[in-house]
Amino acid sequence: MTHVERLAQALMQRGWMLATAESCTGGMIAARCTDLAGSSQWFERGFITYSNDAKHETLGVSQDILTQHGAVSEAAVRSMALGALRHSKAQVSVAVSGIAGPGGGSRHRPVGTVWMAW
């Protein structure tokens, strides 16, 4: 059984729905979920919020969080996950933001840095 199949089973047992909020993965998590037959029973929606404006406008991530902590931070992905819940009918959410590269990294946030929240 795959991770997605286990997730689907756990959500269906509880009657819960999932929402995703993705940045660097560009919808890949949602795609893996919806590749599974019957996903409409447990997958509610996915948000692809690649830019800071999208994170703010779509999920309600505050400009203060984005300015003080950056889009690739624990604070940002926690806010993304909460925003996905607020803007959906899901009971569970997962959010991801990272620096996929090849550019865009820094000494403090090198390429490959990824934050997830649920």
PDB file of N, CA and C in Angstrom:
ATOM      1  N   MET A   1       0.845  -1.180   0.000  1.00  0.00           N
ATOM      2  CA  MET A   1       0.000   0.000   0.000  1.00  0.00           C
ATOM      3  C   MET A   1       0.891   1.244   0.000  1.00  0.00           C
ATOM      4  N   THR A   2       0.570   2.205  -0.861  1.00  0.00           N
ATOM      5  CA  THR A   2       1.353   3.441  -0.953  1.00  0.00           C
ATOM      6  C   THR A   2       0.983   4.403   0.179  1.00  0.00           C
ATOM      7  N   HIS A   3       1.797   5.429   0.333  1.00  0.00           N
ATOM      8  CA  HIS A   3       1.498   6.461   1.341  1.00  0.00           C
ATOM      9  C   HIS A   3       0.154   7.124   1.058  1.00  0.00           C
ATOM     10  N   VAL A   4      -0.111   7.401  -0.207  1.00  0.00           N
ATOM     11  CA  VAL A   4      -1.378   8.054  -0.568  1.00  0.00           C
ATOM     12  C   VAL A   4      -2.550   7.126  -0.270  1.00  0.00           C
ATOM     13  N   GLU A   5      -2.400   5.854  -0.543  1.00  0.00           N
ATOM     14  CA  GLU A   5      -3.475   4.898  -0.240  1.00  0.00           C
ATOM     15  C   GLU A   5      -3.734   4.819   1.264  1.00  0.00           C
ATOM     16  N   ARG A   6      -2.664   4.841   2.052  1.00  0.00           N
ATOM     17  CA  ARG A   6      -2.834   4.830   3.517  1.00  0.00           C
ATOM     18  C   ARG A   6      -3.522   6.105   3.995  1.00  0.00           C
ATOM     19  N   LEU A   7      -3.120   7.229   3.420  1.00  0.00           N
ATOM     20  CA  LEU A   7      -3.754   8.505   3.759  1.00  0.00           C
ATOM     21  C   LEU A   7      -5.233   8.472   3.398  1.00  0.00           C
ATOM     22  N   ALA A   8      -5.540   8.017   2.197  1.00  0.00           N
ATOM     23  CA  ALA A   8      -6.933   7.941   1.744  1.00  0.00           C
ATOM     24  C   ALA A   8      -7.757   7.073   2.686  1.00  0.00           C
ATOM     25  N   GLN A   9      -7.212   5.947   3.057  1.00  0.00           N
ATOM     26  CA  GLN A   9      -7.920   5.025   3.950  1.00  0.00           C
ATOM     27  C   GLN A   9      -8.194   5.682   5.307  1.00  0.00           C
ATOM     28  N   ALA A  10      -7.193   6.346   5.860  1.00  0.00           N
ATOM     29  CA  ALA A  10      -7.355   6.996   7.168  1.00  0.00           C
ATOM     30  C   ALA A  10      -8.395   8.115   7.107  1.00  0.00           C
ATOM     31  N   LEU A  11      -8.361   8.910   6.043  1.00  0.00           N
ATOM     32  CA  LEU A  11      -9.328   9.999   5.911  1.00  0.00           C
ATOM     33  C   LEU A  11     -10.743   9.462   5.732  1.00  0.00           C
ATOM     34  N   MET A  12     -10.900   8.453   4.892  1.00  0.00           N
ATOM     35  CA  MET A  12     -12.237   7.892   4.655  1.00  0.00           C
ATOM     36  C   MET A  12     -12.811   7.244   5.910  1.00  0.00           C
ATOM     37  N   GLN A  13     -11.957   6.602   6.702  1.00  0.00           N
ATOM     38  CA  GLN A  13     -12.434   5.985   7.949  1.00  0.00           C
ATOM     39  C   GLN A  13     -13.025   7.024   8.889  1.00  0.00           C
ATOM     40  N   ARG A  14     -12.505   8.238   8.818  1.00  0.00           N
ATOM     41  CA  ARG A  14     -12.966   9.309   9.705  1.00  0.00           C
ATOM     42  C   ARG A  14     -14.012  10.209   9.045  1.00  0.00           C
ATOM     43  N   GLY A  15     -14.213  10.035   7.750  1.00  0.00           N
ATOM     44  CA  GLY A  15     -15.133  10.910   7.031  1.00  0.00           C
ATOM     45  C   GLY A  15     -14.573  12.304   6.825  1.00  0.00           C
ATOM     46  N   TRP A  16     -13.253  12.411   6.763  1.00  0.00           N
ATOM     47  CA  TRP A  16     -12.579  13.693   6.625  1.00  0.00           C
ATOM     48  C   TRP A  16     -12.166  13.942   5.180  1.00  0.00           C
ATOM     49  N   MET A  17     -11.972  15.232   4.867  1.00  0.00           N
ATOM     50  CA  MET A  17     -11.493  15.659   3.556  1.00  0.00           C
ATOM     51  C   MET A  17     -10.140  16.353   3.711  1.00  0.00           C
ATOM     52  N   LEU A  18      -9.337  16.295   2.647  1.00  0.00           N
ATOM     53  CA  LEU A  18      -8.002  16.887   2.617  1.00  0.00           C
ATOM     54  C   LEU A  18      -7.971  18.069   1.661  1.00  0.00           C
ATOM     55  N   ALA A  19      -7.256  19.115   2.066  1.00  0.00           N
ATOM     56  CA  ALA A  19      -6.924  20.233   1.176  1.00  0.00           C
ATOM     57  C   ALA A  19      -5.408  20.384   1.178  1.00  0.00           C
ATOM     58  N   THR A  20      -4.844  20.740   0.037  1.00  0.00           N
ATOM     59  CA  THR A  20      -3.408  20.963  -0.058  1.00  0.00           C
ATOM     60  C   THR A  20      -3.134  22.426  -0.383  1.00  0.00           C
ATOM     61  N   ALA A  21      -2.013  22.929   0.111  1.00  0.00           N
ATOM     62  CA  ALA A  21      -1.534  24.275  -0.208  1.00  0.00           C
ATOM     63  C   ALA A  21      -0.070  24.121  -0.607  1.00  0.00           C
ATOM     64  N   GLU A  22       0.204  24.296  -1.885  1.00  0.00           N
ATOM     65  CA  GLU A  22       1.536  23.985  -2.401  1.00  0.00           C
ATOM     66  C   GLU A  22       2.194  25.190  -3.049  1.00  0.00           C
ATOM     67  N   SER A  23       3.497  25.264  -2.878  1.00  0.00           N
ATOM     68  CA  SER A  23       4.293  26.273  -3.560  1.00  0.00           C
ATOM     69  C   SER A  23       5.298  25.573  -4.469  1.00  0.00           C
ATOM     70  N   CYS A  24       6.434  25.143  -3.942  1.00  0.00           N
ATOM     71  CA  CYS A  24       7.501  24.585  -4.774  1.00  0.00           C
ATOM     72  C   CYS A  24       7.104  23.288  -5.477  1.00  0.00           C
ATOM     73  N   THR A  25       6.125  22.576  -4.973  1.00  0.00           N
ATOM     74  CA  THR A  25       5.693  21.330  -5.604  1.00  0.00           C
ATOM     75  C   THR A  25       4.685  21.570  -6.718  1.00  0.00           C
ATOM     76  N   GLY A  26       4.175  22.781  -6.846  1.00  0.00           N
ATOM     77  CA  GLY A  26       3.348  23.170  -7.973  1.00  0.00           C
ATOM     78  C   GLY A  26       2.133  22.300  -8.249  1.00  0.00           C
ATOM     79  N   GLY A  27       1.565  21.717  -7.223  1.00  0.00           N
ATOM     80  CA  GLY A  27       0.379  20.891  -7.403  1.00  0.00           C
ATOM     81  C   GLY A  27       0.656  19.399  -7.473  1.00  0.00           C
ATOM     82  N   MET A  28       1.915  19.008  -7.311  1.00  0.00           N
ATOM     83  CA  MET A  28       2.279  17.596  -7.416  1.00  0.00           C
ATOM     84  C   MET A  28       1.611  16.747  -6.334  1.00  0.00           C
ATOM     85  N   ILE A  29       1.494  17.272  -5.127  1.00  0.00           N
ATOM     86  CA  ILE A  29       0.852  16.502  -4.053  1.00  0.00           C
ATOM     87  C   ILE A  29      -0.613  16.277  -4.398  1.00  0.00           C
ATOM     88  N   ALA A  30      -1.290  17.333  -4.835  1.00  0.00           N
ATOM     89  CA  ALA A  30      -2.693  17.197  -5.235  1.00  0.00           C
ATOM     90  C   ALA A  30      -2.830  16.219  -6.393  1.00  0.00           C
ATOM     91  N   ALA A  31      -1.910  16.273  -7.338  1.00  0.00           N
ATOM     92  CA  ALA A  31      -1.959  15.356  -8.483  1.00  0.00           C
ATOM     93  C   ALA A  31      -1.815  13.909  -8.038  1.00  0.00           C
ATOM     94  N   ARG A  32      -0.894  13.649  -7.110  1.00  0.00           N
ATOM     95  CA  ARG A  32      -0.722  12.274  -6.610  1.00  0.00           C
ATOM     96  C   ARG A  32      -1.990  11.800  -5.905  1.00  0.00           C
ATOM     97  N   CYS A  33      -2.616  12.709  -5.182  1.00  0.00           N
ATOM     98  CA  CYS A  33      -3.860  12.348  -4.491  1.00  0.00           C
ATOM     99  C   CYS A  33      -4.963  12.025  -5.488  1.00  0.00           C
ATOM    100  N   THR A  34      -5.116  12.866  -6.490  1.00  0.00           N
ATOM    101  CA  THR A  34      -6.221  12.672  -7.429  1.00  0.00           C
ATOM    102  C   THR A  34      -5.925  11.607  -8.479  1.00  0.00           C
ATOM    103  N   ASP A  35      -4.695  11.126  -8.539  1.00  0.00           N
ATOM    104  CA  ASP A  35      -4.383   9.970  -9.390  1.00  0.00           C
ATOM    105  C   ASP A  35      -5.064   8.707  -8.867  1.00  0.00           C
ATOM    106  N   LEU A  36      -5.363   8.698  -7.582  1.00  0.00           N
ATOM    107  CA  LEU A  36      -5.962   7.525  -6.947  1.00  0.00           C
ATOM    108  C   LEU A  36      -7.466   7.501  -7.223  1.00  0.00           C
ATOM    109  N   ALA A  37      -7.950   6.398  -7.750  1.00  0.00           N
ATOM    110  CA  ALA A  37      -9.385   6.259  -8.027  1.00  0.00           C
ATOM    111  C   ALA A  37     -10.179   6.461  -6.741  1.00  0.00           C
ATOM    112  N   GLY A  38     -11.262   7.184  -6.837  1.00  0.00           N
ATOM    113  CA  GLY A  38     -12.120   7.428  -5.676  1.00  0.00           C
ATOM    114  C   GLY A  38     -11.681   8.575  -4.803  1.00  0.00           C
ATOM    115  N   SER A  39     -10.712   9.369  -5.273  1.00  0.00           N
ATOM    116  CA  SER A  39     -10.175  10.452  -4.434  1.00  0.00           C
ATOM    117  C   SER A  39     -11.216  11.515  -4.096  1.00  0.00           C
ATOM    118  N   SER A  40     -12.280  11.592  -4.864  1.00  0.00           N
ATOM    119  CA  SER A  40     -13.314  12.591  -4.551  1.00  0.00           C
ATOM    120  C   SER A  40     -13.990  12.313  -3.213  1.00  0.00           C
ATOM    121  N   GLN A  41     -13.797  11.129  -2.676  1.00  0.00           N
ATOM    122  CA  GLN A  41     -14.358  10.795  -1.363  1.00  0.00           C
ATOM    123  C   GLN A  41     -13.558  11.408  -0.214  1.00  0.00           C
ATOM    124  N   TRP A  42     -12.316  11.812  -0.487  1.00  0.00           N
ATOM    125  CA  TRP A  42     -11.472  12.301   0.605  1.00  0.00           C
ATOM    126  C   TRP A  42     -10.608  13.511   0.236  1.00  0.00           C
ATOM    127  N   PHE A  43     -10.534  13.879  -1.049  1.00  0.00           N
ATOM    128  CA  PHE A  43      -9.739  15.042  -1.461  1.00  0.00           C
ATOM    129  C   PHE A  43     -10.679  16.180  -1.825  1.00  0.00           C
ATOM    130  N   GLU A  44     -10.592  17.300  -1.098  1.00  0.00           N
ATOM    131  CA  GLU A  44     -11.523  18.407  -1.281  1.00  0.00           C
ATOM    132  C   GLU A  44     -11.027  19.414  -2.321  1.00  0.00           C
ATOM    133  N   ARG A  45      -9.797  19.866  -2.197  1.00  0.00           N
ATOM    134  CA  ARG A  45      -9.241  20.822  -3.165  1.00  0.00           C
ATOM    135  C   ARG A  45      -7.762  21.050  -2.914  1.00  0.00           C
ATOM    136  N   GLY A  46      -7.123  21.648  -3.922  1.00  0.00           N
ATOM    137  CA  GLY A  46      -5.722  22.017  -3.808  1.00  0.00           C
ATOM    138  C   GLY A  46      -5.510  23.465  -4.208  1.00  0.00           C
ATOM    139  N   PHE A  47      -4.643  24.138  -3.479  1.00  0.00           N
ATOM    140  CA  PHE A  47      -4.257  25.517  -3.777  1.00  0.00           C
ATOM    141  C   PHE A  47      -2.804  25.505  -4.235  1.00  0.00           C
ATOM    142  N   ILE A  48      -2.532  26.108  -5.379  1.00  0.00           N
ATOM    143  CA  ILE A  48      -1.149  26.283  -5.825  1.00  0.00           C
ATOM    144  C   ILE A  48      -0.843  27.762  -5.678  1.00  0.00           C
ATOM    145  N   THR A  49       0.014  28.074  -4.725  1.00  0.00           N
ATOM    146  CA  THR A  49       0.317  29.473  -4.395  1.00  0.00           C
ATOM    147  C   THR A  49       1.826  29.678  -4.490  1.00  0.00           C
ATOM    148  N   TYR A  50       2.292  29.816  -5.705  1.00  0.00           N
ATOM    149  CA  TYR A  50       3.727  29.894  -5.944  1.00  0.00           C
ATOM    150  C   TYR A  50       4.315  31.238  -5.511  1.00  0.00           C
ATOM    151  N   SER A  51       3.611  32.309  -5.784  1.00  0.00           N
ATOM    152  CA  SER A  51       4.131  33.642  -5.434  1.00  0.00           C
ATOM    153  C   SER A  51       3.681  34.059  -4.033  1.00  0.00           C
ATOM    154  N   ASN A  52       4.383  35.028  -3.487  1.00  0.00           N
ATOM    155  CA  ASN A  52       3.976  35.575  -2.188  1.00  0.00           C
ATOM    156  C   ASN A  52       2.594  36.209  -2.270  1.00  0.00           C
ATOM    157  N   ASP A  53       2.314  36.901  -3.382  1.00  0.00           N
ATOM    158  CA  ASP A  53       0.985  37.496  -3.552  1.00  0.00           C
ATOM    159  C   ASP A  53      -0.099  36.420  -3.516  1.00  0.00           C
ATOM    160  N   ALA A  54       0.145  35.299  -4.174  1.00  0.00           N
ATOM    161  CA  ALA A  54      -0.842  34.207  -4.169  1.00  0.00           C
ATOM    162  C   ALA A  54      -1.033  33.652  -2.763  1.00  0.00           C
ATOM    163  N   LYS A  55       0.051  33.508  -2.025  1.00  0.00           N
ATOM    164  CA  LYS A  55      -0.060  33.017  -0.645  1.00  0.00           C
ATOM    165  C   LYS A  55      -0.910  33.973   0.196  1.00  0.00           C
ATOM    166  N   HIS A  56      -0.683  35.255   0.004  1.00  0.00           N
ATOM    167  CA  HIS A  56      -1.420  36.274   0.753  1.00  0.00           C
ATOM    168  C   HIS A  56      -2.878  36.358   0.296  1.00  0.00           C
ATOM    169  N   GLU A  57      -3.089  36.491  -1.003  1.00  0.00           N
ATOM    170  CA  GLU A  57      -4.438  36.710  -1.531  1.00  0.00           C
ATOM    171  C   GLU A  57      -5.325  35.470  -1.443  1.00  0.00           C
ATOM    172  N   THR A  58      -4.772  34.294  -1.686  1.00  0.00           N
ATOM    173  CA  THR A  58      -5.570  33.067  -1.747  1.00  0.00           C
ATOM    174  C   THR A  58      -5.728  32.400  -0.388  1.00  0.00           C
ATOM    175  N   LEU A  59      -4.651  32.383   0.397  1.00  0.00           N
ATOM    176  CA  LEU A  59      -4.667  31.655   1.671  1.00  0.00           C
ATOM    177  C   LEU A  59      -4.676  32.564   2.891  1.00  0.00           C
ATOM    178  N   GLY A  60      -4.461  33.861   2.686  1.00  0.00           N
ATOM    179  CA  GLY A  60      -4.466  34.782   3.814  1.00  0.00           C
ATOM    180  C   GLY A  60      -3.183  34.809   4.618  1.00  0.00           C
ATOM    181  N   VAL A  61      -2.075  34.351   4.028  1.00  0.00           N
ATOM    182  CA  VAL A  61      -0.787  34.451   4.723  1.00  0.00           C
ATOM    183  C   VAL A  61      -0.469  35.938   4.857  1.00  0.00           C
ATOM    184  N   SER A  62      -0.203  36.383   6.071  1.00  0.00           N
ATOM    185  CA  SER A  62      -0.014  37.821   6.297  1.00  0.00           C
ATOM    186  C   SER A  62       1.284  38.318   5.665  1.00  0.00           C
ATOM    187  N   GLN A  63       1.238  39.567   5.235  1.00  0.00           N
ATOM    188  CA  GLN A  63       2.437  40.201   4.683  1.00  0.00           C
ATOM    189  C   GLN A  63       3.535  40.253   5.738  1.00  0.00           C
ATOM    190  N   ASP A  64       3.155  40.406   7.013  1.00  0.00           N
ATOM    191  CA  ASP A  64       4.148  40.428   8.092  1.00  0.00           C
ATOM    192  C   ASP A  64       4.928  39.122   8.147  1.00  0.00           C
ATOM    193  N   ILE A  65       4.224  37.994   8.044  1.00  0.00           N
ATOM    194  CA  ILE A  65       4.907  36.689   8.059  1.00  0.00           C
ATOM    195  C   ILE A  65       5.846  36.583   6.870  1.00  0.00           C
ATOM    196  N   LEU A  66       5.366  36.954   5.695  1.00  0.00           N
ATOM    197  CA  LEU A  66       6.185  36.846   4.492  1.00  0.00           C
ATOM    198  C   LEU A  66       7.401  37.761   4.556  1.00  0.00           C
ATOM    199  N   THR A  67       7.238  38.951   5.132  1.00  0.00           N
ATOM    200  CA  THR A  67       8.347  39.897   5.239  1.00  0.00           C
ATOM    201  C   THR A  67       9.333  39.487   6.332  1.00  0.00           C
ATOM    202  N   GLN A  68       8.815  39.130   7.500  1.00  0.00           N
ATOM    203  CA  GLN A  68       9.677  38.824   8.643  1.00  0.00           C
ATOM    204  C   GLN A  68      10.325  37.447   8.559  1.00  0.00           C
ATOM    205  N   HIS A  69       9.591  36.454   8.054  1.00  0.00           N
ATOM    206  CA  HIS A  69      10.086  35.076   8.064  1.00  0.00           C
ATOM    207  C   HIS A  69      10.404  34.531   6.678  1.00  0.00           C
ATOM    208  N   GLY A  70       9.791  35.098   5.652  1.00  0.00           N
ATOM    209  CA  GLY A  70       9.966  34.611   4.291  1.00  0.00           C
ATOM    210  C   GLY A  70       8.945  33.540   3.949  1.00  0.00           C
ATOM    211  N   ALA A  71       8.774  33.306   2.658  1.00  0.00           N
ATOM    212  CA  ALA A  71       7.798  32.318   2.189  1.00  0.00           C
ATOM    213  C   ALA A  71       8.244  30.895   2.489  1.00  0.00           C
ATOM    214  N   VAL A  72       9.540  30.696   2.617  1.00  0.00           N
ATOM    215  CA  VAL A  72      10.076  29.370   2.929  1.00  0.00           C
ATOM    216  C   VAL A  72      10.466  29.372   4.404  1.00  0.00           C
ATOM    217  N   SER A  73       9.456  29.165   5.242  1.00  0.00           N
ATOM    218  CA  SER A  73       9.650  29.198   6.688  1.00  0.00           C
ATOM    219  C   SER A  73       8.540  28.414   7.369  1.00  0.00           C
ATOM    220  N   GLU A  74       8.795  28.039   8.602  1.00  0.00           N
ATOM    221  CA  GLU A  74       7.764  27.349   9.381  1.00  0.00           C
ATOM    222  C   GLU A  74       6.516  28.218   9.513  1.00  0.00           C
ATOM    223  N   ALA A  75       6.712  29.493   9.811  1.00  0.00           N
ATOM    224  CA  ALA A  75       5.562  30.389   9.997  1.00  0.00           C
ATOM    225  C   ALA A  75       4.712  30.472   8.733  1.00  0.00           C
ATOM    226  N   ALA A  76       5.355  30.541   7.580  1.00  0.00           N
ATOM    227  CA  ALA A  76       4.611  30.654   6.321  1.00  0.00           C
ATOM    228  C   ALA A  76       3.816  29.389   6.027  1.00  0.00           C
ATOM    229  N   VAL A  77       4.433  28.221   6.167  1.00  0.00           N
ATOM    230  CA  VAL A  77       3.693  26.993   5.826  1.00  0.00           C
ATOM    231  C   VAL A  77       2.606  26.691   6.847  1.00  0.00           C
ATOM    232  N   ARG A  78       2.827  27.056   8.097  1.00  0.00           N
ATOM    233  CA  ARG A  78       1.745  26.884   9.083  1.00  0.00           C
ATOM    234  C   ARG A  78       0.553  27.755   8.711  1.00  0.00           C
ATOM    235  N   SER A  79       0.833  28.980   8.300  1.00  0.00           N
ATOM    236  CA  SER A  79      -0.234  29.882   7.883  1.00  0.00           C
ATOM    237  C   SER A  79      -0.903  29.385   6.600  1.00  0.00           C
ATOM    238  N   MET A  80      -0.129  28.813   5.686  1.00  0.00           N
ATOM    239  CA  MET A  80      -0.695  28.237   4.465  1.00  0.00           C
ATOM    240  C   MET A  80      -1.641  27.085   4.799  1.00  0.00           C
ATOM    241  N   ALA A  81      -1.217  26.210   5.706  1.00  0.00           N
ATOM    242  CA  ALA A  81      -2.054  25.064   6.085  1.00  0.00           C
ATOM    243  C   ALA A  81      -3.351  25.528   6.734  1.00  0.00           C
ATOM    244  N   LEU A  82      -3.257  26.510   7.613  1.00  0.00           N
ATOM    245  CA  LEU A  82      -4.466  27.050   8.247  1.00  0.00           C
ATOM    246  C   LEU A  82      -5.357  27.748   7.223  1.00  0.00           C
ATOM    247  N   GLY A  83      -4.747  28.459   6.285  1.00  0.00           N
ATOM    248  CA  GLY A  83      -5.513  29.119   5.232  1.00  0.00           C
ATOM    249  C   GLY A  83      -6.241  28.125   4.346  1.00  0.00           C
ATOM    250  N   ALA A  84      -5.606  26.998   4.067  1.00  0.00           N
ATOM    251  CA  ALA A  84      -6.263  25.959   3.264  1.00  0.00           C
ATOM    252  C   ALA A  84      -7.501  25.434   3.982  1.00  0.00           C
ATOM    253  N   LEU A  85      -7.427  25.314   5.296  1.00  0.00           N
ATOM    254  CA  LEU A  85      -8.601  24.876   6.066  1.00  0.00           C
ATOM    255  C   LEU A  85      -9.690  25.946   6.059  1.00  0.00           C
ATOM    256  N   ARG A  86      -9.296  27.201   6.249  1.00  0.00           N
ATOM    257  CA  ARG A  86     -10.269  28.303   6.274  1.00  0.00           C
ATOM    258  C   ARG A  86     -10.999  28.462   4.949  1.00  0.00           C
ATOM    259  N   HIS A  87     -10.313  28.191   3.856  1.00  0.00           N
ATOM    260  CA  HIS A  87     -10.873  28.436   2.525  1.00  0.00           C
ATOM    261  C   HIS A  87     -11.339  27.156   1.836  1.00  0.00           C
ATOM    262  N   SER A  88     -11.648  26.145   2.627  1.00  0.00           N
ATOM    263  CA  SER A  88     -12.157  24.884   2.084  1.00  0.00           C
ATOM    264  C   SER A  88     -13.118  24.269   3.094  1.00  0.00           C
ATOM    265  N   LYS A  89     -13.624  23.121   2.742  1.00  0.00           N
ATOM    266  CA  LYS A  89     -14.481  22.368   3.657  1.00  0.00           C
ATOM    267  C   LYS A  89     -13.730  21.176   4.243  1.00  0.00           C
ATOM    268  N   ALA A  90     -12.410  21.180   4.096  1.00  0.00           N
ATOM    269  CA  ALA A  90     -11.573  20.081   4.576  1.00  0.00           C
ATOM    270  C   ALA A  90     -11.359  20.156   6.084  1.00  0.00           C
ATOM    271  N   GLN A  91     -11.098  19.003   6.662  1.00  0.00           N
ATOM    272  CA  GLN A  91     -10.752  18.908   8.083  1.00  0.00           C
ATOM    273  C   GLN A  91      -9.245  18.745   8.284  1.00  0.00           C
ATOM    274  N   VAL A  92      -8.534  18.414   7.212  1.00  0.00           N
ATOM    275  CA  VAL A  92      -7.092  18.174   7.262  1.00  0.00           C
ATOM    276  C   VAL A  92      -6.457  18.919   6.090  1.00  0.00           C
ATOM    277  N   SER A  93      -5.294  19.514   6.352  1.00  0.00           N
ATOM    278  CA  SER A  93      -4.575  20.169   5.259  1.00  0.00           C
ATOM    279  C   SER A  93      -3.093  19.857   5.364  1.00  0.00           C
ATOM    280  N   VAL A  94      -2.426  19.990   4.243  1.00  0.00           N
ATOM    281  CA  VAL A  94      -0.973  19.887   4.194  1.00  0.00           C
ATOM    282  C   VAL A  94      -0.478  21.047   3.341  1.00  0.00           C
ATOM    283  N   ALA A  95       0.622  21.651   3.766  1.00  0.00           N
ATOM    284  CA  ALA A  95       1.204  22.773   3.030  1.00  0.00           C
ATOM    285  C   ALA A  95       2.697  22.542   2.859  1.00  0.00           C
ATOM    286  N   VAL A  96       3.228  23.047   1.751  1.00  0.00           N
ATOM    287  CA  VAL A  96       4.655  22.908   1.477  1.00  0.00           C
ATOM    288  C   VAL A  96       5.156  24.148   0.754  1.00  0.00           C
ATOM    289  N   SER A  97       6.355  24.585   1.130  1.00  0.00           N
ATOM    290  CA  SER A  97       7.034  25.686   0.458  1.00  0.00           C
ATOM    291  C   SER A  97       8.529  25.413   0.539  1.00  0.00           C
ATOM    292  N   GLY A  98       9.232  25.694  -0.533  1.00  0.00           N
ATOM    293  CA  GLY A  98      10.657  25.406  -0.526  1.00  0.00           C
ATOM    294  C   GLY A  98      11.393  26.119  -1.637  1.00  0.00           C
ATOM    295  N   ILE A  99      12.692  25.904  -1.655  1.00  0.00           N
ATOM    296  CA  ILE A  99      13.557  26.469  -2.685  1.00  0.00           C
ATOM    297  C   ILE A  99      14.038  25.313  -3.543  1.00  0.00           C
ATOM    298  N   ALA A 100      13.405  25.168  -4.706  1.00  0.00           N
ATOM    299  CA  ALA A 100      13.671  24.026  -5.570  1.00  0.00           C
ATOM    300  C   ALA A 100      14.960  24.192  -6.382  1.00  0.00           C
ATOM    301  N   GLY A 101      15.373  25.431  -6.619  1.00  0.00           N
ATOM    302  CA  GLY A 101      16.592  25.667  -7.372  1.00  0.00           C
ATOM    303  C   GLY A 101      16.346  25.734  -8.876  1.00  0.00           C
ATOM    304  N   PRO A 102      17.349  25.869  -9.675  1.00  0.00           N
ATOM    305  CA  PRO A 102      18.748  25.832  -9.262  1.00  0.00           C
ATOM    306  C   PRO A 102      19.216  27.114  -8.578  1.00  0.00           C
ATOM    307  N   GLY A 103      18.500  28.228  -8.765  1.00  0.00           N
ATOM    308  CA  GLY A 103      18.873  29.476  -8.100  1.00  0.00           C
ATOM    309  C   GLY A 103      17.918  29.773  -6.971  1.00  0.00           C
ATOM    310  N   GLY A 104      18.095  30.946  -6.377  1.00  0.00           N
ATOM    311  CA  GLY A 104      17.171  31.399  -5.350  1.00  0.00           C
ATOM    312  C   GLY A 104      17.573  31.077  -3.928  1.00  0.00           C
ATOM    313  N   GLY A 105      18.585  30.276  -3.756  1.00  0.00           N
ATOM    314  CA  GLY A 105      19.021  29.927  -2.411  1.00  0.00           C
ATOM    315  C   GLY A 105      19.908  31.000  -1.806  1.00  0.00           C
ATOM    316  N   SER A 106      20.113  30.900  -0.513  1.00  0.00           N
ATOM    317  CA  SER A 106      21.006  31.811   0.202  1.00  0.00           C
ATOM    318  C   SER A 106      21.771  30.995   1.241  1.00  0.00           C
ATOM    319  N   ARG A 107      22.650  31.663   1.954  1.00  0.00           N
ATOM    320  CA  ARG A 107      23.414  30.970   2.991  1.00  0.00           C
ATOM    321  C   ARG A 107      22.482  30.421   4.072  1.00  0.00           C
ATOM    322  N   HIS A 108      21.450  31.189   4.408  1.00  0.00           N
ATOM    323  CA  HIS A 108      20.516  30.782   5.460  1.00  0.00           C
ATOM    324  C   HIS A 108      19.421  29.853   4.955  1.00  0.00           C
ATOM    325  N   ARG A 109      19.112  29.958   3.662  1.00  0.00           N
ATOM    326  CA  ARG A 109      18.088  29.097   3.047  1.00  0.00           C
ATOM    327  C   ARG A 109      18.638  28.584   1.719  1.00  0.00           C
ATOM    328  N   PRO A 110      19.461  27.546   1.769  1.00  0.00           N
ATOM    329  CA  PRO A 110      20.054  27.034   0.531  1.00  0.00           C
ATOM    330  C   PRO A 110      19.024  26.299  -0.328  1.00  0.00           C
ATOM    331  N   VAL A 111      19.368  26.130  -1.597  1.00  0.00           N
ATOM    332  CA  VAL A 111      18.540  25.324  -2.489  1.00  0.00           C
ATOM    333  C   VAL A 111      18.321  23.965  -1.833  1.00  0.00           C
ATOM    334  N   GLY A 112      17.100  23.506  -1.882  1.00  0.00           N
ATOM    335  CA  GLY A 112      16.740  22.233  -1.250  1.00  0.00           C
ATOM    336  C   GLY A 112      16.041  22.401   0.087  1.00  0.00           C
ATOM    337  N   THR A 113      16.022  23.621   0.620  1.00  0.00           N
ATOM    338  CA  THR A 113      15.304  23.872   1.871  1.00  0.00           C
ATOM    339  C   THR A 113      13.808  23.737   1.616  1.00  0.00           C
ATOM    340  N   VAL A 114      13.139  22.932   2.422  1.00  0.00           N
ATOM    341  CA  VAL A 114      11.699  22.714   2.278  1.00  0.00           C
ATOM    342  C   VAL A 114      11.064  22.709   3.661  1.00  0.00           C
ATOM    343  N   TRP A 115       9.936  23.390   3.769  1.00  0.00           N
ATOM    344  CA  TRP A 115       9.125  23.368   4.991  1.00  0.00           C
ATOM    345  C   TRP A 115       7.768  22.766   4.666  1.00  0.00           C
ATOM    346  N   MET A 116       7.274  21.933   5.566  1.00  0.00           N
ATOM    347  CA  MET A 116       5.937  21.351   5.428  1.00  0.00           C
ATOM    348  C   MET A 116       5.177  21.546   6.734  1.00  0.00           C
ATOM    349  N   ALA A 117       3.866  21.656   6.616  1.00  0.00           N
ATOM    350  CA  ALA A 117       2.999  21.747   7.801  1.00  0.00           C
ATOM    351  C   ALA A 117       1.708  21.018   7.494  1.00  0.00           C
ATOM    352  N   TRP A 118       1.077  20.532   8.547  1.00  0.00           N
ATOM    353  CA  TRP A 118      -0.228  19.880   8.397  1.00  0.00           C
ATOM    354  C   TRP A 118      -1.034  20.076   9.646  1.00  0.00           C
TER     355      TRP A 118
END
